[in-house]
Amino acid sequence: MPDTPAHLSERMLSEGHKTLEFFRNMTPEQWGVTIYTEGTEWAVRDVLAHFVSAESGMTRLVESILAGGTGTPDDFDLNAYNERKVAGLKGVSSEELLVQFTAMREKSAALVRRLSSEDLARTGRHPWLGVATLADILKMMYRHNQIHQRDIRKSINPGERNEDG
């Protein structure tokens, strides 16, 4: 299906629901499983906090590009940003993070629904993709979560094969 605002918005919402379901199925023990050890260690709960901060940041990035901005600065330190934002959410419960993620994803999808096809072709610098179209930046918003969820599955069930093989 072609990249249209309606399609991308619906995909963001459906993938957001999958993300919520994924986290709601976590057992209390799984929330504390360490997923990443580079820099500050991140457990499952920290990855959810990362989703909240990334969703907020990406929505601001899209709004900035729509307003004529060029996107993320060339010298932007993505790792430092992520560390700082996740640390800032340390005291927020997992349940509240799920509420915040839901609200942010709904806001993002609503923004996308209001876009035109011409808007989707605009370009700006994404902190990981480099210069990309808004359509690609928007797709990365849900693909990003899929990648991290795959990493969580691998850490929680290390001997289990997943859909990636």
Foldseek 3Di string as FASTA:
>chain_A
DDDWLLVLLVVLLVLLVVLLVLVVPDDPVQQAQFLDDPDNTDGNLLVLQLLLVVLVVLLVQLVCLLVPDQGDDPPDDVVVVSVVSSVVCVVPDSVVSSVSNNVSSNVSSVVSNPDGPVQQQGWHQDPPPGIDGNSVSSVCSSVVSVVSSVSSVCRVVVVDDDPVD
